[in-house]
Amino acid sequence: MKLISGTVLQSASRFTVKILVVAAATVGGGALVSSSVFASLTAVATGSTSVEAGTLKWELTTGSSSAGFSTGISGVAPGDIQNRYVDLANTGTLTGLTPTLTIVASGSGASALTNILKVNIQNCAVAWSAGVCSSPSDVLGTALVPVSVSAVTASLLSNLSASVAGTNKLKITLTVGDVTEVTTNGVVPTGIQGATSTLVWTFTLQQRAATTTEG
């Protein structure tokens, strides 16, 4: 019985050892699999490019020849002609296109006075000298364009430089149209006499066409 008992005990001991060995192998294998999941190779390449947006600037200043828009006009009568000189320049970094002009009038009696005003614009390659330019170009066409108090449609301008650093030296001619009014016994009729109007000139320049650059 002791021998048998010893054999039984010995077999049980060997069985326990095998279990421990198998368990250890299982744990070790798991560790190997687990560590392989986190192993990797990484390569990185970097570069940088600066991007700067251009600017579109359409600036209006008083011309060198005479008064600009900031100088008011007073005491006009039918048939009068008033000239104003302004410089219109693209001071941005982007070339523009499709320049337009809108004129909006407001003020007491604006309708009566403004509706008899007509405007013409000419451009000169150099500064105007006493109202004279050797080769002026028409910006609004050859005819005088009526100014309406209700005008909101932009007029397309021609013969203007919209390129970067391009300056247009403009002569703005305002002509007071013909009108007949009679003042009786010192009473001024309701019309252009004494009427005032403020003209707001808005020159607009659009961005150049979008481009694709290979580089």
N, C-alpha and C. Protein backbone atom coordinates (compact mmCIF):
# COMPACT_ATOMS: atom_id res chain seq x y z
N MET A 1 0.82 -1.21 0.00
CA MET A 1 0.00 0.00 0.00
C MET A 1 0.86 1.26 0.00
N LYS A 2 1.92 1.27 0.66
CA LYS A 2 2.80 2.44 0.67
C LYS A 2 3.40 2.70 -0.69
N LEU A 3 3.80 1.58 -1.38
CA LEU A 3 4.38 1.74 -2.71
C LEU A 3 3.37 2.33 -3.68
N ILE A 4 2.16 1.74 -3.55
CA ILE A 4 1.10 2.27 -4.42
C ILE A 4 0.82 3.71 -4.10
N SER A 5 0.78 3.99 -2.80
CA SER A 5 0.52 5.37 -2.37
C SER A 5 1.60 6.31 -2.88
N GLY A 6 2.85 5.83 -2.83
CA GLY A 6 3.96 6.66 -3.31
C GLY A 6 3.86 6.90 -4.80
N THR A 7 3.42 5.86 -5.52
CA THR A 7 3.26 6.02 -6.98
C THR A 7 2.18 7.02 -7.31
N VAL A 8 1.11 6.91 -6.57
CA VAL A 8 0.00 7.85 -6.79
C VAL A 8 0.44 9.29 -6.51
N LEU A 9 1.17 9.45 -5.42
CA LEU A 9 1.65 10.79 -5.06
C LEU A 9 2.63 11.33 -6.10
N GLN A 10 3.50 10.44 -6.58
CA GLN A 10 4.48 10.85 -7.57
C GLN A 10 3.80 11.27 -8.87
N SER A 11 2.80 10.52 -9.29
CA SER A 11 2.08 10.86 -10.52
C SER A 11 1.35 12.20 -10.37
N ALA A 12 0.77 12.36 -9.22
CA ALA A 12 0.07 13.63 -8.98
C ALA A 12 1.03 14.81 -9.02
N SER A 13 2.22 14.58 -8.49
CA SER A 13 3.22 15.65 -8.48
C SER A 13 3.65 16.01 -9.89
N ARG A 14 3.88 14.94 -10.74
CA ARG A 14 4.26 15.21 -12.13
C ARG A 14 3.14 15.93 -12.88
N PHE A 15 1.95 15.58 -12.62
CA PHE A 15 0.80 16.23 -13.28
C PHE A 15 0.72 17.71 -12.92
N THR A 16 1.00 17.98 -11.65
CA THR A 16 0.98 19.38 -11.20
C THR A 16 2.06 20.19 -11.88
N VAL A 17 3.24 19.60 -12.05
CA VAL A 17 4.35 20.28 -12.71
C VAL A 17 4.00 20.59 -14.15
N LYS A 18 3.36 19.62 -14.85
CA LYS A 18 2.97 19.84 -16.25
C LYS A 18 1.97 20.98 -16.36
N ILE A 19 1.08 21.04 -15.42
CA ILE A 19 0.10 22.12 -15.44
C ILE A 19 0.79 23.47 -15.28
N LEU A 20 1.76 23.52 -14.37
CA LEU A 20 2.49 24.76 -14.13
C LEU A 20 3.28 25.16 -15.37
N VAL A 21 3.90 24.16 -16.03
CA VAL A 21 4.69 24.44 -17.23
C VAL A 21 3.80 24.98 -18.35
N VAL A 22 2.66 24.31 -18.52
CA VAL A 22 1.72 24.77 -19.56
C VAL A 22 1.22 26.17 -19.27
N ALA A 23 0.90 26.42 -18.00
CA ALA A 23 0.42 27.75 -17.60
C ALA A 23 1.47 28.81 -17.85
N ALA A 24 2.71 28.49 -17.52
CA ALA A 24 3.80 29.45 -17.73
C ALA A 24 4.00 29.73 -19.21
N ALA A 25 3.92 28.66 -20.02
CA ALA A 25 4.07 28.84 -21.47
C ALA A 25 2.95 29.70 -22.03
N THR A 26 1.75 29.49 -21.50
CA THR A 26 0.61 30.29 -21.97
C THR A 26 0.78 31.76 -21.65
N VAL A 27 1.20 32.03 -20.42
CA VAL A 27 1.42 33.41 -20.00
C VAL A 27 2.54 34.05 -20.81
N GLY A 28 3.62 33.37 -21.02
CA GLY A 28 4.75 33.89 -21.80
C GLY A 28 4.36 34.17 -23.23
N GLY A 29 3.60 33.26 -23.83
CA GLY A 29 3.14 33.46 -25.21
C GLY A 29 2.25 34.67 -25.32
N GLY A 30 1.39 34.84 -24.33
CA GLY A 30 0.51 36.01 -24.31
C GLY A 30 1.31 37.29 -24.25
N ALA A 31 2.37 37.26 -23.48
CA ALA A 31 3.22 38.44 -23.36
C ALA A 31 3.89 38.78 -24.69
N LEU A 32 4.31 37.70 -25.41
CA LEU A 32 4.93 37.93 -26.71
C LEU A 32 3.95 38.53 -27.71
N VAL A 33 2.73 38.01 -27.73
CA VAL A 33 1.71 38.52 -28.63
C VAL A 33 1.36 39.97 -28.28
N SER A 34 1.24 40.24 -26.97
CA SER A 34 0.87 41.58 -26.52
C SER A 34 1.94 42.60 -26.90
N SER A 35 3.20 42.26 -26.75
CA SER A 35 4.26 43.21 -27.08
C SER A 35 4.36 43.45 -28.57
N SER A 36 4.02 42.49 -29.42
CA SER A 36 4.10 42.66 -30.86
C SER A 36 3.03 43.61 -31.38
N VAL A 37 1.92 43.80 -30.69
CA VAL A 37 0.87 44.72 -31.10
C VAL A 37 1.34 46.17 -31.07
N PHE A 38 2.16 46.52 -30.11
CA PHE A 38 2.63 47.89 -29.93
C PHE A 38 3.92 48.19 -30.68
N ALA A 39 4.50 47.25 -31.33
CA ALA A 39 5.72 47.47 -32.10
C ALA A 39 5.35 48.01 -33.48
N SER A 40 6.03 49.11 -33.95
CA SER A 40 5.74 49.68 -35.25
C SER A 40 6.93 50.49 -35.75
N LEU A 41 6.91 50.79 -37.08
CA LEU A 41 7.92 51.66 -37.68
C LEU A 41 7.23 52.94 -38.14
N THR A 42 7.83 54.10 -37.89
CA THR A 42 7.23 55.38 -38.24
C THR A 42 8.23 56.24 -39.01
N ALA A 43 7.76 56.83 -40.10
CA ALA A 43 8.59 57.77 -40.87
C ALA A 43 7.78 59.04 -41.11
N VAL A 44 8.40 60.20 -40.94
CA VAL A 44 7.71 61.48 -41.09
C VAL A 44 8.52 62.40 -42.01
N ALA A 45 7.82 63.04 -42.95
CA ALA A 45 8.44 64.06 -43.79
C ALA A 45 7.61 65.34 -43.67
N THR A 46 8.22 66.48 -43.45
CA THR A 46 7.48 67.73 -43.25
C THR A 46 7.97 68.81 -44.20
N GLY A 47 7.11 69.77 -44.43
CA GLY A 47 7.44 70.93 -45.25
C GLY A 47 6.52 72.07 -44.87
N SER A 48 6.83 73.29 -45.26
CA SER A 48 5.97 74.43 -44.94
C SER A 48 5.93 75.39 -46.13
N THR A 49 4.76 75.99 -46.32
CA THR A 49 4.55 76.97 -47.39
C THR A 49 3.77 78.15 -46.84
N SER A 50 4.26 79.34 -47.06
CA SER A 50 3.54 80.53 -46.62
C SER A 50 2.52 80.94 -47.68
N VAL A 51 1.36 81.37 -47.24
CA VAL A 51 0.29 81.81 -48.14
C VAL A 51 -0.17 83.21 -47.68
N GLU A 52 -0.15 84.15 -48.58
CA GLU A 52 -0.57 85.52 -48.25
C GLU A 52 -1.61 85.99 -49.26
N ALA A 53 -2.71 86.50 -48.77
CA ALA A 53 -3.76 87.01 -49.65
C ALA A 53 -3.39 88.38 -50.19
N GLY A 54 -3.75 88.63 -51.44
CA GLY A 54 -3.51 89.93 -52.04
C GLY A 54 -4.54 90.95 -51.57
N THR A 55 -4.34 92.20 -51.94
CA THR A 55 -5.26 93.27 -51.55
C THR A 55 -5.78 93.97 -52.80
N LEU A 56 -7.03 94.40 -52.73
CA LEU A 56 -7.65 95.16 -53.81
C LEU A 56 -8.06 96.51 -53.24
N LYS A 57 -7.36 97.57 -53.66
CA LYS A 57 -7.62 98.91 -53.14
C LYS A 57 -7.88 99.86 -54.30
N TRP A 58 -8.96 100.60 -54.18
CA TRP A 58 -9.36 101.58 -55.20
C TRP A 58 -9.51 102.90 -54.47
N GLU A 59 -8.50 103.76 -54.59
CA GLU A 59 -8.45 104.97 -53.77
C GLU A 59 -8.70 106.22 -54.60
N LEU A 60 -9.49 107.12 -54.02
CA LEU A 60 -9.86 108.36 -54.68
C LEU A 60 -9.26 109.52 -53.90
N THR A 61 -8.47 110.35 -54.57
CA THR A 61 -7.86 111.52 -53.93
C THR A 61 -8.05 112.74 -54.82
N THR A 62 -7.83 113.90 -54.24
CA THR A 62 -7.94 115.14 -55.00
C THR A 62 -6.80 115.25 -56.00
N GLY A 63 -7.13 115.60 -57.23
CA GLY A 63 -6.11 115.74 -58.26
C GLY A 63 -5.24 116.95 -58.04
N SER A 64 -4.14 116.99 -58.75
CA SER A 64 -3.18 118.08 -58.57
C SER A 64 -3.59 119.35 -59.29
N SER A 65 -4.53 119.25 -60.24
CA SER A 65 -4.87 120.42 -61.07
C SER A 65 -5.75 121.43 -60.35
N SER A 66 -6.73 120.96 -59.57
CA SER A 66 -7.69 121.89 -59.00
C SER A 66 -8.42 121.21 -57.87
N ALA A 67 -9.59 121.74 -57.54
CA ALA A 67 -10.39 121.20 -56.44
C ALA A 67 -10.93 119.82 -56.78
N GLY A 68 -11.07 119.00 -55.74
CA GLY A 68 -11.65 117.68 -55.91
C GLY A 68 -13.08 117.66 -55.41
N PHE A 69 -13.55 116.47 -55.05
CA PHE A 69 -14.92 116.34 -54.58
C PHE A 69 -15.16 117.03 -53.24
N SER A 70 -14.12 117.20 -52.45
CA SER A 70 -14.30 117.78 -51.12
C SER A 70 -14.64 119.27 -51.17
N THR A 71 -14.39 119.90 -52.30
CA THR A 71 -14.73 121.32 -52.46
C THR A 71 -16.13 121.45 -53.03
N GLY A 72 -17.02 122.08 -52.27
CA GLY A 72 -18.41 122.19 -52.68
C GLY A 72 -18.60 123.12 -53.87
N ILE A 73 -19.76 123.01 -54.49
CA ILE A 73 -20.13 123.86 -55.62
C ILE A 73 -21.36 124.67 -55.20
N SER A 74 -21.30 125.95 -55.34
CA SER A 74 -22.43 126.78 -54.92
C SER A 74 -22.73 127.83 -55.98
N GLY A 75 -23.97 128.36 -55.92
CA GLY A 75 -24.37 129.45 -56.78
C GLY A 75 -24.45 129.09 -58.25
N VAL A 76 -24.75 127.84 -58.57
CA VAL A 76 -24.81 127.47 -59.98
C VAL A 76 -26.10 127.99 -60.62
N ALA A 77 -26.04 128.16 -61.93
CA ALA A 77 -27.19 128.61 -62.72
C ALA A 77 -27.27 127.76 -63.97
N PRO A 78 -28.43 127.73 -64.61
CA PRO A 78 -28.57 126.95 -65.84
C PRO A 78 -27.49 127.30 -66.86
N GLY A 79 -26.89 126.26 -67.44
CA GLY A 79 -25.83 126.45 -68.43
C GLY A 79 -24.43 126.45 -67.85
N ASP A 80 -24.29 126.52 -66.52
CA ASP A 80 -22.96 126.52 -65.90
C ASP A 80 -22.26 125.18 -66.08
N ILE A 81 -20.94 125.26 -66.11
CA ILE A 81 -20.11 124.06 -66.16
C ILE A 81 -19.11 124.12 -65.01
N GLN A 82 -19.07 123.06 -64.24
CA GLN A 82 -18.14 122.97 -63.11
C GLN A 82 -17.23 121.75 -63.33
N ASN A 83 -15.92 121.96 -63.24
CA ASN A 83 -14.97 120.86 -63.39
C ASN A 83 -14.31 120.55 -62.04
N ARG A 84 -14.17 119.29 -61.78
CA ARG A 84 -13.47 118.82 -60.60
C ARG A 84 -12.44 117.78 -61.04
N TYR A 85 -11.31 117.73 -60.33
CA TYR A 85 -10.22 116.84 -60.73
C TYR A 85 -9.88 115.89 -59.59
N VAL A 86 -9.89 114.60 -59.89
CA VAL A 86 -9.58 113.60 -58.88
C VAL A 86 -8.64 112.55 -59.49
N ASP A 87 -7.87 111.92 -58.62
CA ASP A 87 -7.02 110.79 -59.01
C ASP A 87 -7.64 109.52 -58.47
N LEU A 88 -7.77 108.54 -59.34
CA LEU A 88 -8.33 107.24 -58.97
C LEU A 88 -7.26 106.19 -59.23
N ALA A 89 -6.80 105.52 -58.15
CA ALA A 89 -5.65 104.62 -58.29
C ALA A 89 -5.90 103.27 -57.63
N ASN A 90 -5.31 102.24 -58.22
CA ASN A 90 -5.28 100.91 -57.62
C ASN A 90 -4.02 100.82 -56.78
N THR A 91 -4.17 100.94 -55.48
CA THR A 91 -3.01 100.93 -54.57
C THR A 91 -2.84 99.59 -53.88
N GLY A 92 -3.54 98.57 -54.35
CA GLY A 92 -3.42 97.24 -53.76
C GLY A 92 -2.36 96.41 -54.47
N THR A 93 -2.44 95.09 -54.28
CA THR A 93 -1.49 94.18 -54.91
C THR A 93 -2.15 93.29 -55.96
N LEU A 94 -3.46 93.45 -56.15
CA LEU A 94 -4.18 92.66 -57.14
C LEU A 94 -4.70 93.55 -58.27
N THR A 95 -4.59 93.07 -59.48
CA THR A 95 -5.17 93.78 -60.61
C THR A 95 -6.69 93.65 -60.56
N GLY A 96 -7.38 94.72 -60.90
CA GLY A 96 -8.84 94.70 -60.88
C GLY A 96 -9.41 94.67 -62.28
N LEU A 97 -10.73 94.59 -62.34
CA LEU A 97 -11.42 94.64 -63.62
C LEU A 97 -12.83 95.19 -63.44
N THR A 98 -13.47 95.51 -64.52
CA THR A 98 -14.85 95.99 -64.58
C THR A 98 -15.10 97.17 -63.62
N PRO A 99 -14.42 98.29 -63.80
CA PRO A 99 -14.70 99.46 -62.96
C PRO A 99 -16.07 100.05 -63.31
N THR A 100 -16.80 100.46 -62.28
CA THR A 100 -18.12 101.06 -62.48
C THR A 100 -18.26 102.29 -61.60
N LEU A 101 -19.31 103.07 -61.88
CA LEU A 101 -19.59 104.28 -61.11
C LEU A 101 -21.09 104.37 -60.85
N THR A 102 -21.43 104.67 -59.60
CA THR A 102 -22.81 105.00 -59.25
C THR A 102 -22.82 106.39 -58.61
N ILE A 103 -23.85 107.15 -58.90
CA ILE A 103 -24.01 108.49 -58.33
C ILE A 103 -25.36 108.53 -57.63
N VAL A 104 -25.33 108.81 -56.34
CA VAL A 104 -26.56 108.88 -55.55
C VAL A 104 -26.70 110.30 -55.02
N ALA A 105 -27.87 110.90 -55.22
CA ALA A 105 -28.11 112.28 -54.81
C ALA A 105 -29.08 112.33 -53.65
N SER A 106 -28.86 113.30 -52.76
CA SER A 106 -29.77 113.51 -51.63
C SER A 106 -29.74 114.98 -51.26
N GLY A 107 -30.72 115.41 -50.47
CA GLY A 107 -30.73 116.79 -50.01
C GLY A 107 -32.04 117.49 -50.34
N SER A 108 -32.20 118.71 -49.80
CA SER A 108 -33.40 119.50 -50.02
C SER A 108 -33.47 119.95 -51.48
N GLY A 109 -34.52 119.55 -52.16
CA GLY A 109 -34.67 119.91 -53.56
C GLY A 109 -33.77 119.11 -54.47
N ALA A 110 -33.29 117.98 -54.00
CA ALA A 110 -32.36 117.18 -54.80
C ALA A 110 -32.97 116.75 -56.12
N SER A 111 -34.24 116.42 -56.10
CA SER A 111 -34.88 115.94 -57.32
C SER A 111 -34.87 117.01 -58.41
N ALA A 112 -35.27 118.24 -58.05
CA ALA A 112 -35.34 119.32 -59.03
C ALA A 112 -33.97 119.69 -59.57
N LEU A 113 -32.98 119.78 -58.69
CA LEU A 113 -31.65 120.21 -59.11
C LEU A 113 -30.88 119.08 -59.79
N THR A 114 -30.91 117.91 -59.18
CA THR A 114 -30.11 116.81 -59.69
C THR A 114 -30.57 116.37 -61.07
N ASN A 115 -31.85 116.42 -61.30
CA ASN A 115 -32.37 115.93 -62.58
C ASN A 115 -32.00 116.80 -63.76
N ILE A 116 -31.43 117.97 -63.54
CA ILE A 116 -30.98 118.79 -64.67
C ILE A 116 -29.45 118.80 -64.76
N LEU A 117 -28.80 118.05 -63.89
CA LEU A 117 -27.34 117.95 -63.94
C LEU A 117 -26.93 116.84 -64.91
N LYS A 118 -25.85 117.10 -65.61
CA LYS A 118 -25.28 116.08 -66.49
C LYS A 118 -23.78 115.98 -66.20
N VAL A 119 -23.24 114.79 -66.36
CA VAL A 119 -21.84 114.57 -66.00
C VAL A 119 -21.09 113.94 -67.16
N ASN A 120 -19.84 114.30 -67.26
CA ASN A 120 -18.93 113.66 -68.20
C ASN A 120 -17.60 113.47 -67.49
N ILE A 121 -16.89 112.41 -67.83
CA ILE A 121 -15.60 112.12 -67.19
C ILE A 121 -14.58 111.82 -68.28
N GLN A 122 -13.41 112.44 -68.14
CA GLN A 122 -12.30 112.18 -69.05
C GLN A 122 -11.07 111.81 -68.25
N ASN A 123 -10.25 110.96 -68.85
CA ASN A 123 -9.02 110.50 -68.21
C ASN A 123 -7.82 111.03 -69.00
N CYS A 124 -6.78 111.38 -68.26
CA CYS A 124 -5.56 111.88 -68.90
C CYS A 124 -4.37 111.07 -68.41
N ALA A 125 -3.43 110.82 -69.31
CA ALA A 125 -2.26 110.03 -68.94
C ALA A 125 -1.34 110.80 -68.00
N VAL A 126 -1.40 112.11 -68.05
CA VAL A 126 -0.60 112.96 -67.17
C VAL A 126 -1.54 113.91 -66.45
N ALA A 127 -0.99 114.68 -65.53
CA ALA A 127 -1.82 115.62 -64.79
C ALA A 127 -2.41 116.68 -65.71
N TRP A 128 -3.65 117.03 -65.44
CA TRP A 128 -4.31 118.08 -66.21
C TRP A 128 -3.63 119.43 -65.92
N SER A 129 -3.50 120.23 -66.94
CA SER A 129 -2.88 121.55 -66.78
C SER A 129 -3.88 122.62 -67.20
N ALA A 130 -4.41 123.33 -66.20
CA ALA A 130 -5.42 124.36 -66.45
C ALA A 130 -6.60 123.81 -67.24
N GLY A 131 -6.97 122.57 -66.91
CA GLY A 131 -8.12 121.94 -67.56
C GLY A 131 -7.84 121.37 -68.93
N VAL A 132 -6.57 121.33 -69.31
CA VAL A 132 -6.21 120.88 -70.67
C VAL A 132 -5.38 119.60 -70.59
N CYS A 133 -5.70 118.65 -71.49
CA CYS A 133 -4.92 117.42 -71.64
C CYS A 133 -4.70 117.21 -73.14
N SER A 134 -3.50 116.83 -73.52
CA SER A 134 -3.19 116.71 -74.95
C SER A 134 -3.97 115.59 -75.61
N SER A 135 -4.22 114.51 -74.89
CA SER A 135 -4.96 113.39 -75.50
C SER A 135 -5.86 112.74 -74.46
N PRO A 136 -6.97 113.40 -74.10
CA PRO A 136 -7.88 112.83 -73.11
C PRO A 136 -8.68 111.67 -73.70
N SER A 137 -9.10 110.77 -72.84
CA SER A 137 -9.96 109.67 -73.26
C SER A 137 -11.25 109.71 -72.46
N ASP A 138 -12.36 109.42 -73.14
CA ASP A 138 -13.67 109.47 -72.49
C ASP A 138 -13.88 108.22 -71.64
N VAL A 139 -14.37 108.43 -70.43
CA VAL A 139 -14.60 107.34 -69.48
C VAL A 139 -16.07 106.91 -69.47
N LEU A 140 -16.97 107.87 -69.63
CA LEU A 140 -18.40 107.58 -69.64
C LEU A 140 -19.01 107.65 -71.03
N GLY A 141 -18.19 107.78 -72.05
CA GLY A 141 -18.70 107.99 -73.40
C GLY A 141 -18.60 109.45 -73.77
N THR A 142 -18.93 109.74 -75.00
CA THR A 142 -18.76 111.11 -75.49
C THR A 142 -19.90 112.04 -75.07
N ALA A 143 -21.07 111.48 -74.79
CA ALA A 143 -22.23 112.31 -74.43
C ALA A 143 -22.27 112.58 -72.93
N LEU A 144 -22.89 113.70 -72.58
CA LEU A 144 -23.10 114.00 -71.17
C LEU A 144 -24.17 113.06 -70.63
N VAL A 145 -23.91 112.49 -69.49
CA VAL A 145 -24.82 111.51 -68.89
C VAL A 145 -25.68 112.19 -67.85
N PRO A 146 -27.00 112.12 -67.95
CA PRO A 146 -27.87 112.73 -66.93
C PRO A 146 -27.66 112.10 -65.56
N VAL A 147 -27.77 112.92 -64.54
CA VAL A 147 -27.69 112.45 -63.17
C VAL A 147 -29.12 112.43 -62.62
N SER A 148 -29.58 111.27 -62.19
CA SER A 148 -30.93 111.16 -61.67
C SER A 148 -30.89 110.86 -60.18
N VAL A 149 -31.82 111.47 -59.45
CA VAL A 149 -31.86 111.26 -58.01
C VAL A 149 -32.22 109.83 -57.67
N SER A 150 -32.85 109.14 -58.61
CA SER A 150 -33.24 107.76 -58.35
C SER A 150 -32.29 106.75 -58.98
N ALA A 151 -31.20 107.23 -59.57
CA ALA A 151 -30.29 106.32 -60.26
C ALA A 151 -29.54 105.44 -59.27
N VAL A 152 -29.65 104.14 -59.46
CA VAL A 152 -28.91 103.20 -58.62
C VAL A 152 -28.13 102.22 -59.48
N THR A 153 -28.30 102.28 -60.79
CA THR A 153 -27.61 101.37 -61.69
C THR A 153 -26.19 101.87 -61.93
N ALA A 154 -25.24 100.98 -61.80
CA ALA A 154 -23.84 101.37 -62.00
C ALA A 154 -23.55 101.53 -63.48
N SER A 155 -22.78 102.56 -63.80
CA SER A 155 -22.36 102.79 -65.18
C SER A 155 -20.98 102.16 -65.38
N LEU A 156 -20.83 101.37 -66.42
CA LEU A 156 -19.54 100.74 -66.72
C LEU A 156 -18.57 101.79 -67.25
N LEU A 157 -17.38 101.82 -66.70
CA LEU A 157 -16.38 102.81 -67.08
C LEU A 157 -15.36 102.19 -68.03
N SER A 158 -14.90 102.99 -68.97
CA SER A 158 -13.90 102.52 -69.92
C SER A 158 -12.67 103.42 -69.85
N ASN A 159 -11.61 102.96 -70.50
CA ASN A 159 -10.36 103.74 -70.57
C ASN A 159 -9.79 104.08 -69.21
N LEU A 160 -9.96 103.15 -68.27
CA LEU A 160 -9.36 103.30 -66.94
C LEU A 160 -8.32 102.22 -66.71
N SER A 161 -7.27 102.57 -66.01
CA SER A 161 -6.27 101.59 -65.62
C SER A 161 -6.66 100.97 -64.29
N ALA A 162 -6.78 99.63 -64.29
CA ALA A 162 -7.10 98.91 -63.06
C ALA A 162 -5.93 98.06 -62.60
N SER A 163 -4.78 98.26 -63.22
CA SER A 163 -3.60 97.49 -62.85
C SER A 163 -2.98 98.01 -61.57
N VAL A 164 -2.13 97.19 -60.96
CA VAL A 164 -1.48 97.59 -59.71
C VAL A 164 -0.62 98.82 -59.96
N ALA A 165 -0.77 99.82 -59.10
CA ALA A 165 -0.04 101.08 -59.18
C ALA A 165 -0.50 101.94 -60.35
N GLY A 166 -1.59 101.55 -61.00
CA GLY A 166 -2.12 102.37 -62.09
C GLY A 166 -2.94 103.53 -61.54
N THR A 167 -2.67 104.73 -62.02
CA THR A 167 -3.37 105.93 -61.55
C THR A 167 -4.10 106.59 -62.71
N ASN A 168 -5.38 106.91 -62.47
CA ASN A 168 -6.20 107.58 -63.46
C ASN A 168 -6.40 109.04 -63.02
N LYS A 169 -6.07 109.95 -63.90
CA LYS A 169 -6.22 111.38 -63.59
C LYS A 169 -7.49 111.87 -64.28
N LEU A 170 -8.54 112.02 -63.48
CA LEU A 170 -9.87 112.25 -64.02
C LEU A 170 -10.30 113.70 -63.93
N LYS A 171 -10.97 114.12 -64.98
CA LYS A 171 -11.63 115.42 -65.01
C LYS A 171 -13.14 115.17 -65.00
N ILE A 172 -13.79 115.57 -63.92
CA ILE A 172 -15.23 115.39 -63.77
C ILE A 172 -15.92 116.68 -64.16
N THR A 173 -16.74 116.63 -65.19
CA THR A 173 -17.43 117.82 -65.68
C THR A 173 -18.91 117.73 -65.34
N LEU A 174 -19.39 118.69 -64.54
CA LEU A 174 -20.80 118.79 -64.20
C LEU A 174 -21.40 119.97 -64.96
N THR A 175 -22.44 119.69 -65.72
CA THR A 175 -23.11 120.73 -66.49
C THR A 175 -24.54 120.90 -65.97
N VAL A 176 -24.91 122.14 -65.70
CA VAL A 176 -26.28 122.44 -65.26
C VAL A 176 -27.13 122.64 -66.51
N GLY A 177 -28.17 121.82 -66.62
CA GLY A 177 -29.00 121.87 -67.81
C GLY A 177 -29.88 123.11 -67.87
N ASP A 178 -30.53 123.25 -69.00
CA ASP A 178 -31.42 124.41 -69.20
C ASP A 178 -32.72 124.22 -68.43
N VAL A 179 -33.19 125.32 -67.84
CA VAL A 179 -34.47 125.32 -67.13
C VAL A 179 -35.00 126.75 -67.12
N THR A 180 -36.30 126.88 -67.13
CA THR A 180 -36.92 128.21 -67.11
C THR A 180 -37.76 128.36 -65.85
N GLU A 181 -37.48 129.41 -65.07
CA GLU A 181 -38.26 129.70 -63.87
C GLU A 181 -38.51 131.20 -63.79
N VAL A 182 -39.65 131.58 -63.24
CA VAL A 182 -40.01 132.99 -63.10
C VAL A 182 -40.23 133.33 -61.63
N THR A 183 -39.50 134.32 -61.15
CA THR A 183 -39.67 134.79 -59.79
C THR A 183 -40.60 136.01 -59.82
N THR A 184 -41.73 135.94 -59.11
CA THR A 184 -42.73 137.00 -59.13
C THR A 184 -42.79 137.71 -57.78
N ASN A 185 -42.62 139.04 -57.82
CA ASN A 185 -42.69 139.85 -56.60
C ASN A 185 -41.79 139.29 -55.49
N GLY A 186 -40.60 138.83 -55.89
CA GLY A 186 -39.62 138.36 -54.91
C GLY A 186 -39.89 136.97 -54.36
N VAL A 187 -40.92 136.34 -54.86
CA VAL A 187 -41.23 134.99 -54.40
C VAL A 187 -40.58 133.98 -55.35
N VAL A 188 -39.63 133.23 -54.82
CA VAL A 188 -38.92 132.24 -55.64
C VAL A 188 -39.81 131.02 -55.83
N PRO A 189 -39.98 130.57 -57.05
CA PRO A 189 -40.81 129.38 -57.28
C PRO A 189 -40.15 128.12 -56.74
N THR A 190 -40.97 127.14 -56.55
CA THR A 190 -40.43 125.84 -56.11
C THR A 190 -39.79 125.17 -57.31
N GLY A 191 -38.48 125.16 -57.32
CA GLY A 191 -37.75 124.62 -58.47
C GLY A 191 -36.30 124.46 -58.10
N ILE A 192 -35.40 124.87 -59.00
CA ILE A 192 -33.99 124.69 -58.73
C ILE A 192 -33.41 125.81 -57.88
N GLN A 193 -34.03 126.95 -57.88
CA GLN A 193 -33.46 128.08 -57.16
C GLN A 193 -33.43 127.80 -55.65
N GLY A 194 -32.25 127.90 -55.09
CA GLY A 194 -32.08 127.64 -53.66
C GLY A 194 -32.03 126.17 -53.30
N ALA A 195 -32.22 125.30 -54.28
CA ALA A 195 -32.20 123.86 -54.01
C ALA A 195 -30.76 123.40 -53.76
N THR A 196 -30.62 122.41 -52.93
CA THR A 196 -29.30 121.83 -52.64
C THR A 196 -29.34 120.33 -52.87
N SER A 197 -28.21 119.82 -53.25
CA SER A 197 -28.11 118.38 -53.49
C SER A 197 -26.69 117.92 -53.19
N THR A 198 -26.59 116.78 -52.56
CA THR A 198 -25.28 116.18 -52.30
C THR A 198 -25.13 114.94 -53.18
N LEU A 199 -24.08 114.94 -53.98
CA LEU A 199 -23.82 113.81 -54.87
C LEU A 199 -22.75 112.92 -54.25
N VAL A 200 -23.07 111.65 -54.10
CA VAL A 200 -22.10 110.67 -53.61
C VAL A 200 -21.63 109.83 -54.79
N TRP A 201 -20.35 109.93 -55.07
CA TRP A 201 -19.74 109.23 -56.19
C TRP A 201 -19.10 107.94 -55.68
N THR A 202 -19.52 106.81 -56.19
CA THR A 202 -18.96 105.53 -55.75
C THR A 202 -18.34 104.81 -56.94
N PHE A 203 -17.02 104.77 -56.94
CA PHE A 203 -16.29 104.02 -57.97
C PHE A 203 -16.01 102.62 -57.42
N THR A 204 -16.36 101.61 -58.19
CA THR A 204 -16.22 100.22 -57.74
C THR A 204 -15.30 99.46 -58.67
N LEU A 205 -14.45 98.63 -58.09
CA LEU A 205 -13.53 97.80 -58.87
C LEU A 205 -13.68 96.36 -58.42
N GLN A 206 -13.80 95.45 -59.36
CA GLN A 206 -13.95 94.04 -59.05
C GLN A 206 -12.58 93.34 -59.03
N GLN A 207 -12.54 92.22 -58.32
CA GLN A 207 -11.31 91.40 -58.31
C GLN A 207 -11.04 90.84 -59.71
N ARG A 208 -9.78 90.71 -60.05
CA ARG A 208 -9.41 90.08 -61.32
C ARG A 208 -9.92 88.64 -61.36
N ALA A 209 -9.91 88.04 -62.54
CA ALA A 209 -10.34 86.65 -62.68
C ALA A 209 -9.42 85.74 -61.88
N ALA A 210 -9.99 84.70 -61.29
CA ALA A 210 -9.20 83.73 -60.53
C ALA A 210 -8.24 82.99 -61.47
N THR A 211 -7.08 82.63 -60.95
CA THR A 211 -6.05 81.99 -61.78
C THR A 211 -5.59 80.67 -61.17
N THR A 212 -5.01 79.83 -62.01
CA THR A 212 -4.35 78.59 -61.57
C THR A 212 -2.88 78.71 -61.90
N THR A 213 -2.04 78.53 -60.91
CA THR A 213 -0.60 78.69 -61.10
C THR A 213 0.11 77.37 -60.84
N GLU A 214 0.96 76.97 -61.76
CA GLU A 214 1.79 75.78 -61.57
C GLU A 214 3.18 76.23 -61.13
N GLY A 215 3.62 75.69 -60.02
CA GLY A 215 4.94 76.14 -59.55
C GLY A 215 5.44 75.30 -58.41
